[in-house]
Amino acid sequence: MPRKCVYLTALAVTAIWFTVPAAAEDKPKNLLVNGSFEDGPDAGDFLPLEPGSTDIKGWTVTRAQVDYIGGHWKSADGNRSLDLHGSPGLGGVKQAFATTKGRKYKVTFSMAANPNFQPEAGSVKLLCVRAAGKKEAFSFDAAGKTVEEMGWVTKTWEFTAVDDETTLEIHTLETEDTSCGPALDNVSVVEAK
């Protein structure tokens, strides 16, 4: 093979090597299964799920009924999300995952609220995130929002693991308007740097 061809081949290989995007391993792996609630039964517009239900892969419904949202509104990520208030209910969801005691973890999720809220109950909806004996409340104002424009926002929270397995629970803090509550989607947990 002429020397010129070898040189051009080496240049082509070098050019390809430098144009490969950063490896996926640079992005921390979500420790949760099905963080955007995409794997589950056909929800139609919405599907009420009772406490103890494990119909949504990786998740267990807690406290009271929740609504598994399909086409009722535009989700933050993918085609599915949750209304933490069922039809009716004041519920939540939880998932256990492996952790290392003493290490910090970052929880990230998308939050909105059912825009069809009852005016007398108010437009601001609250949810609670809890893990490893800690908890924090988050709020979202649904005033002016619609099912097409939910106004999803990203929220973050950190905790330090106290065991080799941790359960993350996210639940409503509302006590009224049992059908229209905080909306949840795109939940992830990664080890904090």
N, C-alpha and C. Protein backbone atom coordinates (compact mmCIF):
# COMPACT_ATOMS: atom_id res chain seq x y z
N MET A 1 0.86 -1.18 0.00
CA MET A 1 0.00 0.00 0.00
C MET A 1 0.89 1.24 0.00
N PRO A 2 0.62 2.20 -0.88
CA PRO A 2 1.44 3.41 -0.91
C PRO A 2 1.34 4.14 0.42
N ARG A 3 2.43 4.82 0.76
CA ARG A 3 2.53 5.54 2.01
C ARG A 3 1.44 6.61 2.15
N LYS A 4 1.09 7.28 1.09
CA LYS A 4 0.08 8.34 1.10
C LYS A 4 -1.26 7.80 1.60
N CYS A 5 -1.66 6.61 1.16
CA CYS A 5 -2.94 6.01 1.58
C CYS A 5 -2.94 5.69 3.06
N VAL A 6 -1.84 5.18 3.56
CA VAL A 6 -1.73 4.87 4.98
C VAL A 6 -1.90 6.13 5.80
N TYR A 7 -1.27 7.21 5.38
CA TYR A 7 -1.33 8.48 6.08
C TYR A 7 -2.76 9.02 6.10
N LEU A 8 -3.45 8.95 4.95
CA LEU A 8 -4.83 9.44 4.87
C LEU A 8 -5.76 8.59 5.73
N THR A 9 -5.54 7.29 5.76
CA THR A 9 -6.36 6.40 6.59
C THR A 9 -6.17 6.74 8.07
N ALA A 10 -4.92 6.98 8.46
CA ALA A 10 -4.66 7.34 9.85
C ALA A 10 -5.34 8.66 10.20
N LEU A 11 -5.33 9.63 9.28
CA LEU A 11 -6.01 10.91 9.52
C LEU A 11 -7.51 10.72 9.66
N ALA A 12 -8.09 9.89 8.80
CA ALA A 12 -9.53 9.65 8.85
C ALA A 12 -9.93 9.01 10.18
N VAL A 13 -9.15 8.02 10.63
CA VAL A 13 -9.43 7.38 11.91
C VAL A 13 -9.31 8.38 13.05
N THR A 14 -8.28 9.23 13.01
CA THR A 14 -8.09 10.25 14.04
C THR A 14 -9.26 11.22 14.05
N ALA A 15 -9.71 11.64 12.87
CA ALA A 15 -10.83 12.58 12.79
C ALA A 15 -12.10 11.96 13.37
N ILE A 16 -12.34 10.69 13.08
CA ILE A 16 -13.51 10.00 13.63
C ILE A 16 -13.40 9.91 15.14
N TRP A 17 -12.26 9.58 15.64
CA TRP A 17 -12.06 9.44 17.07
C TRP A 17 -12.36 10.74 17.79
N PHE A 18 -11.95 11.88 17.24
CA PHE A 18 -12.16 13.16 17.89
C PHE A 18 -13.60 13.67 17.79
N THR A 19 -14.40 13.12 16.86
CA THR A 19 -15.77 13.60 16.71
C THR A 19 -16.78 12.75 17.47
N VAL A 20 -16.34 11.70 18.13
CA VAL A 20 -17.25 10.89 18.93
C VAL A 20 -17.69 11.69 20.14
N PRO A 21 -19.02 11.78 20.41
CA PRO A 21 -19.49 12.55 21.56
C PRO A 21 -19.03 11.93 22.87
N ALA A 22 -19.12 12.72 23.93
CA ALA A 22 -18.72 12.25 25.26
C ALA A 22 -19.50 10.99 25.62
N ALA A 23 -18.87 10.10 26.30
CA ALA A 23 -19.48 8.83 26.67
C ALA A 23 -20.66 9.05 27.61
N ALA A 24 -21.64 8.15 27.51
CA ALA A 24 -22.83 8.24 28.35
C ALA A 24 -22.49 8.11 29.83
N GLU A 25 -21.34 7.50 30.13
CA GLU A 25 -20.97 7.31 31.53
C GLU A 25 -20.66 8.63 32.23
N ASP A 26 -20.49 9.73 31.47
CA ASP A 26 -20.26 11.04 32.08
C ASP A 26 -21.51 11.51 32.83
N LYS A 27 -22.69 11.06 32.39
CA LYS A 27 -23.95 11.43 33.02
C LYS A 27 -24.25 10.42 34.12
N PRO A 28 -24.48 10.90 35.36
CA PRO A 28 -24.76 9.96 36.44
C PRO A 28 -26.01 9.12 36.15
N LYS A 29 -25.98 7.87 36.53
CA LYS A 29 -27.09 6.96 36.30
C LYS A 29 -28.17 7.19 37.34
N ASN A 30 -29.42 7.27 36.87
CA ASN A 30 -30.56 7.39 37.78
C ASN A 30 -30.67 6.10 38.58
N LEU A 31 -30.68 6.21 39.89
CA LEU A 31 -30.78 5.04 40.76
C LEU A 31 -32.21 4.51 40.85
N LEU A 32 -33.16 5.29 40.36
CA LEU A 32 -34.56 4.88 40.37
C LEU A 32 -34.93 4.15 39.08
N VAL A 33 -35.90 3.29 39.18
CA VAL A 33 -36.49 2.62 38.03
C VAL A 33 -37.69 3.44 37.57
N ASN A 34 -37.80 3.68 36.25
CA ASN A 34 -39.01 4.27 35.69
C ASN A 34 -39.33 5.65 36.30
N GLY A 35 -38.32 6.51 36.34
CA GLY A 35 -38.49 7.82 36.98
C GLY A 35 -39.51 8.73 36.32
N SER A 36 -39.82 8.49 35.05
CA SER A 36 -40.83 9.30 34.37
C SER A 36 -42.17 8.57 34.25
N PHE A 37 -42.32 7.48 34.95
CA PHE A 37 -43.59 6.75 35.04
C PHE A 37 -44.08 6.23 33.70
N GLU A 38 -43.18 6.02 32.74
CA GLU A 38 -43.60 5.60 31.40
C GLU A 38 -44.02 4.13 31.35
N ASP A 39 -43.46 3.28 32.22
CA ASP A 39 -43.78 1.86 32.21
C ASP A 39 -44.88 1.56 33.21
N GLY A 40 -46.07 1.31 32.66
CA GLY A 40 -47.23 1.03 33.50
C GLY A 40 -48.41 0.70 32.62
N PRO A 41 -49.59 0.52 33.22
CA PRO A 41 -50.76 0.17 32.44
C PRO A 41 -51.21 1.32 31.55
N ASP A 42 -52.07 1.03 30.61
CA ASP A 42 -52.65 2.07 29.77
C ASP A 42 -53.46 2.99 30.68
N ALA A 43 -53.07 4.26 30.72
CA ALA A 43 -53.72 5.21 31.62
C ALA A 43 -54.89 5.94 30.97
N GLY A 44 -55.05 5.80 29.65
CA GLY A 44 -56.08 6.60 28.98
C GLY A 44 -55.81 8.07 29.26
N ASP A 45 -56.84 8.84 29.59
CA ASP A 45 -56.63 10.22 30.04
C ASP A 45 -56.01 10.21 31.43
N PHE A 46 -56.59 9.40 32.32
CA PHE A 46 -56.02 9.20 33.65
C PHE A 46 -56.60 7.92 34.23
N LEU A 47 -55.83 7.30 35.12
CA LEU A 47 -56.22 6.05 35.74
C LEU A 47 -56.01 6.15 37.25
N PRO A 48 -57.09 6.09 38.06
CA PRO A 48 -56.92 6.11 39.51
C PRO A 48 -56.23 4.82 39.99
N LEU A 49 -55.25 4.97 40.87
CA LEU A 49 -54.55 3.83 41.46
C LEU A 49 -54.66 3.90 42.98
N GLU A 50 -55.00 2.78 43.58
CA GLU A 50 -55.24 2.71 45.02
C GLU A 50 -53.94 2.55 45.81
N PRO A 51 -53.96 2.88 47.11
CA PRO A 51 -52.79 2.67 47.96
C PRO A 51 -52.34 1.20 47.91
N GLY A 52 -51.05 0.99 47.82
CA GLY A 52 -50.48 -0.35 47.72
C GLY A 52 -50.30 -0.81 46.29
N SER A 53 -50.87 -0.09 45.32
CA SER A 53 -50.73 -0.48 43.92
C SER A 53 -49.27 -0.42 43.49
N THR A 54 -48.84 -1.44 42.73
CA THR A 54 -47.50 -1.48 42.13
C THR A 54 -47.63 -1.54 40.61
N ASP A 55 -48.75 -1.04 40.09
CA ASP A 55 -49.00 -1.08 38.64
C ASP A 55 -47.99 -0.27 37.85
N ILE A 56 -47.46 0.80 38.42
CA ILE A 56 -46.44 1.60 37.75
C ILE A 56 -45.10 0.97 38.12
N LYS A 57 -44.39 0.46 37.12
CA LYS A 57 -43.14 -0.28 37.36
C LYS A 57 -42.20 0.50 38.28
N GLY A 58 -41.75 -0.18 39.37
CA GLY A 58 -40.78 0.40 40.30
C GLY A 58 -41.40 1.18 41.44
N TRP A 59 -42.65 1.57 41.34
CA TRP A 59 -43.28 2.46 42.31
C TRP A 59 -44.42 1.78 43.06
N THR A 60 -44.63 2.21 44.31
CA THR A 60 -45.77 1.78 45.11
C THR A 60 -46.56 3.02 45.50
N VAL A 61 -47.88 2.97 45.33
CA VAL A 61 -48.74 4.09 45.73
C VAL A 61 -48.87 4.07 47.25
N THR A 62 -48.74 5.24 47.87
CA THR A 62 -48.81 5.35 49.34
C THR A 62 -49.95 6.29 49.75
N ARG A 63 -50.36 6.16 50.98
CA ARG A 63 -51.29 7.05 51.67
C ARG A 63 -52.72 6.98 51.17
N ALA A 64 -52.99 7.34 49.94
CA ALA A 64 -54.34 7.30 49.38
C ALA A 64 -54.22 7.22 47.86
N GLN A 65 -55.33 7.28 47.19
CA GLN A 65 -55.35 7.14 45.74
C GLN A 65 -54.61 8.28 45.03
N VAL A 66 -53.95 7.94 43.91
CA VAL A 66 -53.34 8.93 43.01
C VAL A 66 -53.92 8.69 41.62
N ASP A 67 -53.79 9.66 40.74
CA ASP A 67 -54.19 9.49 39.34
C ASP A 67 -52.94 9.37 38.48
N TYR A 68 -52.88 8.28 37.72
CA TYR A 68 -51.82 8.02 36.75
C TYR A 68 -52.27 8.70 35.46
N ILE A 69 -51.55 9.74 35.07
CA ILE A 69 -51.97 10.60 33.97
C ILE A 69 -51.42 10.09 32.64
N GLY A 70 -52.32 9.93 31.67
CA GLY A 70 -51.95 9.59 30.30
C GLY A 70 -52.10 10.82 29.43
N GLY A 71 -53.26 10.96 28.80
CA GLY A 71 -53.46 12.08 27.87
C GLY A 71 -54.15 13.29 28.45
N HIS A 72 -54.44 13.28 29.74
CA HIS A 72 -55.20 14.39 30.34
C HIS A 72 -54.46 15.72 30.25
N TRP A 73 -53.13 15.71 30.41
CA TRP A 73 -52.34 16.92 30.26
C TRP A 73 -50.98 16.57 29.69
N LYS A 74 -50.22 17.59 29.32
CA LYS A 74 -48.88 17.41 28.74
C LYS A 74 -47.89 17.17 29.88
N SER A 75 -47.27 16.00 29.88
CA SER A 75 -46.30 15.65 30.92
C SER A 75 -44.99 16.39 30.71
N ALA A 76 -44.18 16.44 31.77
CA ALA A 76 -42.87 17.11 31.68
C ALA A 76 -41.90 16.31 30.83
N ASP A 77 -41.96 14.97 30.94
CA ASP A 77 -41.04 14.10 30.22
C ASP A 77 -41.80 12.87 29.76
N GLY A 78 -41.81 12.60 28.47
CA GLY A 78 -42.54 11.45 27.97
C GLY A 78 -44.04 11.71 27.92
N ASN A 79 -44.81 10.63 28.11
CA ASN A 79 -46.26 10.71 27.97
C ASN A 79 -47.03 10.48 29.24
N ARG A 80 -46.34 10.20 30.34
CA ARG A 80 -47.03 9.86 31.59
C ARG A 80 -46.52 10.74 32.73
N SER A 81 -47.37 10.96 33.72
CA SER A 81 -47.02 11.69 34.94
C SER A 81 -48.04 11.33 36.00
N LEU A 82 -47.99 11.99 37.15
CA LEU A 82 -48.91 11.70 38.24
C LEU A 82 -49.58 12.96 38.75
N ASP A 83 -50.85 12.82 39.15
CA ASP A 83 -51.52 13.79 40.01
C ASP A 83 -51.54 13.11 41.37
N LEU A 84 -50.90 13.70 42.36
CA LEU A 84 -50.81 13.06 43.67
C LEU A 84 -52.15 13.05 44.41
N HIS A 85 -53.17 13.65 43.80
CA HIS A 85 -54.54 13.51 44.30
C HIS A 85 -55.28 12.61 43.33
N GLY A 86 -55.93 11.60 43.87
CA GLY A 86 -56.66 10.67 43.04
C GLY A 86 -58.03 11.21 42.68
N SER A 87 -58.96 10.29 42.53
CA SER A 87 -60.32 10.68 42.13
C SER A 87 -61.37 10.12 43.09
N PRO A 88 -61.39 10.48 44.36
CA PRO A 88 -60.49 11.41 45.05
C PRO A 88 -59.41 10.67 45.85
N GLY A 89 -58.49 11.43 46.40
CA GLY A 89 -57.46 10.87 47.27
C GLY A 89 -56.36 11.88 47.52
N LEU A 90 -55.65 11.69 48.59
CA LEU A 90 -54.51 12.55 48.96
C LEU A 90 -53.31 11.62 49.13
N GLY A 91 -52.70 11.25 48.02
CA GLY A 91 -51.73 10.17 48.03
C GLY A 91 -50.30 10.55 47.75
N GLY A 92 -49.53 9.51 47.44
CA GLY A 92 -48.12 9.67 47.14
C GLY A 92 -47.59 8.40 46.50
N VAL A 93 -46.28 8.38 46.24
CA VAL A 93 -45.61 7.20 45.69
C VAL A 93 -44.25 7.04 46.37
N LYS A 94 -43.75 5.80 46.37
CA LYS A 94 -42.44 5.55 46.96
C LYS A 94 -41.70 4.51 46.15
N GLN A 95 -40.36 4.53 46.32
CA GLN A 95 -39.49 3.53 45.70
C GLN A 95 -38.23 3.37 46.53
N ALA A 96 -37.81 2.11 46.75
CA ALA A 96 -36.57 1.82 47.47
C ALA A 96 -35.45 1.59 46.45
N PHE A 97 -34.23 1.99 46.82
CA PHE A 97 -33.08 1.85 45.92
C PHE A 97 -31.81 1.71 46.76
N ALA A 98 -30.77 1.17 46.16
CA ALA A 98 -29.51 0.93 46.86
C ALA A 98 -28.76 2.25 47.08
N THR A 99 -28.20 2.40 48.29
CA THR A 99 -27.39 3.57 48.64
C THR A 99 -26.18 3.11 49.44
N THR A 100 -25.26 4.02 49.66
CA THR A 100 -24.11 3.75 50.52
C THR A 100 -24.19 4.67 51.73
N LYS A 101 -24.20 4.09 52.90
CA LYS A 101 -24.34 4.85 54.15
C LYS A 101 -23.29 5.95 54.22
N GLY A 102 -23.73 7.17 54.54
CA GLY A 102 -22.83 8.31 54.69
C GLY A 102 -22.64 9.13 53.42
N ARG A 103 -23.07 8.61 52.27
CA ARG A 103 -22.93 9.36 51.02
C ARG A 103 -24.15 10.23 50.78
N LYS A 104 -23.90 11.35 50.06
CA LYS A 104 -24.99 12.28 49.73
C LYS A 104 -25.59 11.94 48.39
N TYR A 105 -26.89 12.17 48.28
CA TYR A 105 -27.64 11.90 47.05
C TYR A 105 -28.50 13.10 46.70
N LYS A 106 -28.65 13.30 45.40
CA LYS A 106 -29.43 14.42 44.90
C LYS A 106 -30.70 13.91 44.22
N VAL A 107 -31.83 14.43 44.69
CA VAL A 107 -33.13 14.10 44.11
C VAL A 107 -33.53 15.26 43.20
N THR A 108 -33.92 14.95 41.98
CA THR A 108 -34.41 15.95 41.03
C THR A 108 -35.76 15.48 40.51
N PHE A 109 -36.71 16.40 40.40
CA PHE A 109 -38.03 16.03 39.86
C PHE A 109 -38.69 17.24 39.22
N SER A 110 -39.66 16.95 38.36
CA SER A 110 -40.46 18.01 37.74
C SER A 110 -41.77 18.11 38.50
N MET A 111 -42.16 19.37 38.80
CA MET A 111 -43.38 19.62 39.57
C MET A 111 -44.26 20.61 38.85
N ALA A 112 -45.55 20.35 38.90
CA ALA A 112 -46.58 21.29 38.44
C ALA A 112 -47.78 21.02 39.36
N ALA A 113 -48.97 21.38 38.91
CA ALA A 113 -50.18 21.08 39.68
C ALA A 113 -51.35 20.99 38.72
N ASN A 114 -52.34 20.22 39.13
CA ASN A 114 -53.55 20.08 38.32
C ASN A 114 -54.18 21.47 38.15
N PRO A 115 -54.28 21.98 36.90
CA PRO A 115 -54.78 23.33 36.69
C PRO A 115 -56.30 23.45 36.87
N ASN A 116 -56.99 22.34 37.10
CA ASN A 116 -58.44 22.36 37.29
C ASN A 116 -58.81 22.45 38.77
N PHE A 117 -57.95 23.07 39.57
CA PHE A 117 -58.14 23.15 41.01
C PHE A 117 -59.43 23.89 41.37
N GLN A 118 -59.95 23.58 42.56
CA GLN A 118 -61.12 24.29 43.08
C GLN A 118 -60.65 25.62 43.65
N PRO A 119 -61.21 26.75 43.18
CA PRO A 119 -60.74 28.07 43.63
C PRO A 119 -60.73 28.24 45.14
N GLU A 120 -61.73 27.69 45.82
CA GLU A 120 -61.80 27.84 47.28
C GLU A 120 -60.65 27.13 47.99
N ALA A 121 -60.05 26.14 47.33
CA ALA A 121 -58.92 25.42 47.93
C ALA A 121 -57.59 26.12 47.64
N GLY A 122 -57.58 27.08 46.71
CA GLY A 122 -56.36 27.80 46.38
C GLY A 122 -55.58 27.15 45.26
N SER A 123 -54.77 27.96 44.58
CA SER A 123 -54.02 27.48 43.42
C SER A 123 -52.64 26.93 43.78
N VAL A 124 -52.14 27.22 44.97
CA VAL A 124 -50.81 26.74 45.38
C VAL A 124 -50.94 25.34 45.96
N LYS A 125 -50.20 24.42 45.39
CA LYS A 125 -50.22 23.02 45.84
C LYS A 125 -48.86 22.64 46.41
N LEU A 126 -48.88 21.84 47.47
CA LEU A 126 -47.67 21.45 48.19
C LEU A 126 -47.46 19.95 48.12
N LEU A 127 -46.20 19.56 47.98
CA LEU A 127 -45.84 18.15 48.12
C LEU A 127 -44.63 18.05 49.04
N CYS A 128 -44.40 16.84 49.53
CA CYS A 128 -43.29 16.57 50.44
C CYS A 128 -42.40 15.48 49.83
N VAL A 129 -41.10 15.69 49.92
CA VAL A 129 -40.12 14.69 49.52
C VAL A 129 -39.44 14.21 50.79
N ARG A 130 -39.37 12.90 50.97
CA ARG A 130 -38.74 12.37 52.19
C ARG A 130 -37.89 11.16 51.89
N ALA A 131 -36.76 11.09 52.60
CA ALA A 131 -35.84 9.95 52.49
C ALA A 131 -34.86 10.03 53.65
N ALA A 132 -34.40 8.89 54.12
CA ALA A 132 -33.35 8.80 55.15
C ALA A 132 -33.67 9.64 56.39
N GLY A 133 -34.93 9.68 56.78
CA GLY A 133 -35.33 10.40 57.98
C GLY A 133 -35.43 11.90 57.82
N LYS A 134 -35.25 12.40 56.62
CA LYS A 134 -35.34 13.85 56.34
C LYS A 134 -36.51 14.10 55.41
N LYS A 135 -36.98 15.35 55.37
CA LYS A 135 -38.07 15.70 54.47
C LYS A 135 -38.03 17.20 54.17
N GLU A 136 -38.65 17.54 53.03
CA GLU A 136 -38.76 18.95 52.67
C GLU A 136 -40.01 19.17 51.83
N ALA A 137 -40.66 20.31 52.03
CA ALA A 137 -41.86 20.66 51.29
C ALA A 137 -41.51 21.52 50.08
N PHE A 138 -42.27 21.34 49.00
CA PHE A 138 -42.12 22.13 47.77
C PHE A 138 -43.49 22.59 47.33
N SER A 139 -43.55 23.77 46.71
CA SER A 139 -44.84 24.33 46.29
C SER A 139 -44.82 24.68 44.81
N PHE A 140 -46.04 24.76 44.26
CA PHE A 140 -46.24 25.16 42.87
C PHE A 140 -47.57 25.88 42.78
N ASP A 141 -47.58 27.02 42.08
CA ASP A 141 -48.80 27.79 41.89
C ASP A 141 -49.38 27.50 40.51
N ALA A 142 -50.57 26.90 40.48
CA ALA A 142 -51.22 26.50 39.24
C ALA A 142 -52.06 27.62 38.61
N ALA A 143 -52.08 28.79 39.23
CA ALA A 143 -52.87 29.89 38.67
C ALA A 143 -52.40 30.22 37.26
N GLY A 144 -53.34 30.32 36.33
CA GLY A 144 -53.03 30.66 34.95
C GLY A 144 -52.50 29.52 34.11
N LYS A 145 -52.34 28.34 34.69
CA LYS A 145 -51.83 27.19 33.94
C LYS A 145 -52.99 26.44 33.28
N THR A 146 -52.66 25.67 32.23
CA THR A 146 -53.65 24.87 31.52
C THR A 146 -53.09 23.47 31.30
N VAL A 147 -53.94 22.56 30.83
CA VAL A 147 -53.46 21.20 30.58
C VAL A 147 -52.47 21.15 29.43
N GLU A 148 -52.48 22.15 28.56
CA GLU A 148 -51.50 22.23 27.47
C GLU A 148 -50.21 22.92 27.92
N GLU A 149 -50.34 23.85 28.84
CA GLU A 149 -49.20 24.62 29.37
C GLU A 149 -49.18 24.47 30.89
N MET A 150 -48.64 23.36 31.35
CA MET A 150 -48.63 23.05 32.78
C MET A 150 -47.65 23.90 33.57
N GLY A 151 -46.60 24.41 32.91
CA GLY A 151 -45.61 25.22 33.62
C GLY A 151 -44.65 24.42 34.48
N TRP A 152 -44.36 23.21 34.08
CA TRP A 152 -43.48 22.33 34.86
C TRP A 152 -42.18 23.04 35.27
N VAL A 153 -41.77 22.84 36.51
CA VAL A 153 -40.50 23.38 37.00
C VAL A 153 -39.67 22.24 37.60
N THR A 154 -38.36 22.41 37.56
CA THR A 154 -37.46 21.40 38.12
C THR A 154 -37.12 21.77 39.56
N LYS A 155 -37.25 20.80 40.45
CA LYS A 155 -36.93 20.98 41.87
C LYS A 155 -35.82 20.00 42.24
N THR A 156 -34.98 20.38 43.20
CA THR A 156 -33.91 19.49 43.66
C THR A 156 -33.86 19.48 45.19
N TRP A 157 -33.33 18.39 45.70
CA TRP A 157 -33.21 18.20 47.15
C TRP A 157 -32.11 17.18 47.40
N GLU A 158 -31.38 17.31 48.49
CA GLU A 158 -30.32 16.37 48.81
C GLU A 158 -30.53 15.74 50.17
N PHE A 159 -30.05 14.51 50.30
CA PHE A 159 -30.08 13.81 51.59
C PHE A 159 -28.82 12.98 51.71
N THR A 160 -28.50 12.59 52.94
CA THR A 160 -27.37 11.70 53.21
C THR A 160 -27.92 10.35 53.62
N ALA A 161 -27.47 9.30 52.97
CA ALA A 161 -27.97 7.95 53.25
C ALA A 161 -27.55 7.50 54.64
N VAL A 162 -28.45 6.80 55.31
CA VAL A 162 -28.17 6.26 56.64
C VAL A 162 -28.15 4.73 56.63
N ASP A 163 -28.33 4.14 55.44
CA ASP A 163 -28.35 2.69 55.32
C ASP A 163 -27.95 2.29 53.89
N ASP A 164 -27.91 0.98 53.64
CA ASP A 164 -27.53 0.51 52.31
C ASP A 164 -28.73 0.42 51.36
N GLU A 165 -29.91 0.75 51.87
CA GLU A 165 -31.09 0.90 51.03
C GLU A 165 -31.90 2.07 51.57
N THR A 166 -32.40 2.91 50.67
CA THR A 166 -33.17 4.08 51.06
C THR A 166 -34.48 4.07 50.31
N THR A 167 -35.53 4.49 50.99
CA THR A 167 -36.83 4.65 50.35
C THR A 167 -37.11 6.13 50.17
N LEU A 168 -37.37 6.51 48.94
CA LEU A 168 -37.79 7.87 48.60
C LEU A 168 -39.31 7.86 48.50
N GLU A 169 -39.94 8.78 49.23
CA GLU A 169 -41.39 8.94 49.11
C GLU A 169 -41.68 10.38 48.73
N ILE A 170 -42.60 10.57 47.80
CA ILE A 170 -43.07 11.90 47.42
C ILE A 170 -44.60 11.85 47.54
N HIS A 171 -45.14 12.74 48.36
CA HIS A 171 -46.59 12.72 48.63
C HIS A 171 -47.13 14.13 48.77
N THR A 172 -48.44 14.24 48.61
CA THR A 172 -49.08 15.53 48.75
C THR A 172 -49.06 15.99 50.21
N LEU A 173 -49.08 17.29 50.41
CA LEU A 173 -49.25 17.88 51.74
C LEU A 173 -50.60 18.59 51.83
N GLU A 174 -51.40 18.47 50.78
CA GLU A 174 -52.70 19.12 50.75
C GLU A 174 -53.71 18.37 51.62
N THR A 175 -54.70 19.11 52.11
CA THR A 175 -55.76 18.50 52.90
C THR A 175 -57.14 18.77 52.30
N GLU A 176 -57.19 19.59 51.24
CA GLU A 176 -58.44 19.90 50.57
C GLU A 176 -58.31 19.61 49.08
N ASP A 177 -59.41 19.83 48.34
CA ASP A 177 -59.42 19.63 46.89
C ASP A 177 -58.83 18.26 46.57
N THR A 178 -59.52 17.22 47.00
CA THR A 178 -58.98 15.86 46.93
C THR A 178 -58.84 15.31 45.52
N SER A 179 -59.30 16.05 44.50
CA SER A 179 -59.17 15.57 43.12
C SER A 179 -58.10 16.28 42.31
N CYS A 180 -57.63 17.44 42.77
CA CYS A 180 -56.67 18.23 41.99
C CYS A 180 -55.49 18.61 42.86
N GLY A 181 -54.38 17.93 42.67
CA GLY A 181 -53.24 18.16 43.55
C GLY A 181 -51.96 18.46 42.83
N PRO A 182 -50.83 18.34 43.53
CA PRO A 182 -49.53 18.53 42.90
C PRO A 182 -49.29 17.46 41.85
N ALA A 183 -48.64 17.84 40.75
CA ALA A 183 -48.31 16.92 39.67
C ALA A 183 -46.82 16.61 39.72
N LEU A 184 -46.47 15.37 39.38
CA LEU A 184 -45.10 14.88 39.53
C LEU A 184 -44.66 14.14 38.27
N ASP A 185 -43.40 14.35 37.87
CA ASP A 185 -42.84 13.65 36.72
C ASP A 185 -41.32 13.69 36.80
N ASN A 186 -40.67 12.85 35.99
CA ASN A 186 -39.23 12.92 35.74
C ASN A 186 -38.40 12.93 37.02
N VAL A 187 -38.60 11.92 37.86
CA VAL A 187 -37.91 11.83 39.16
C VAL A 187 -36.59 11.08 38.99
N SER A 188 -35.52 11.63 39.56
CA SER A 188 -34.24 10.92 39.52
C SER A 188 -33.51 11.08 40.84
N VAL A 189 -32.67 10.11 41.14
CA VAL A 189 -31.76 10.17 42.28
C VAL A 189 -30.39 9.79 41.76
N VAL A 190 -29.40 10.65 42.02
CA VAL A 190 -28.02 10.34 41.67
C VAL A 190 -27.13 10.66 42.86
N GLU A 191 -25.97 10.04 42.88
CA GLU A 191 -25.02 10.35 43.96
C GLU A 191 -24.51 11.77 43.75
N ALA A 192 -24.55 12.60 44.82
CA ALA A 192 -24.12 13.99 44.73
C ALA A 192 -22.61 14.05 44.69
N LYS A 193 -22.07 14.98 43.92
CA LYS A 193 -20.62 15.14 43.81
C LYS A 193 -20.12 16.10 44.86
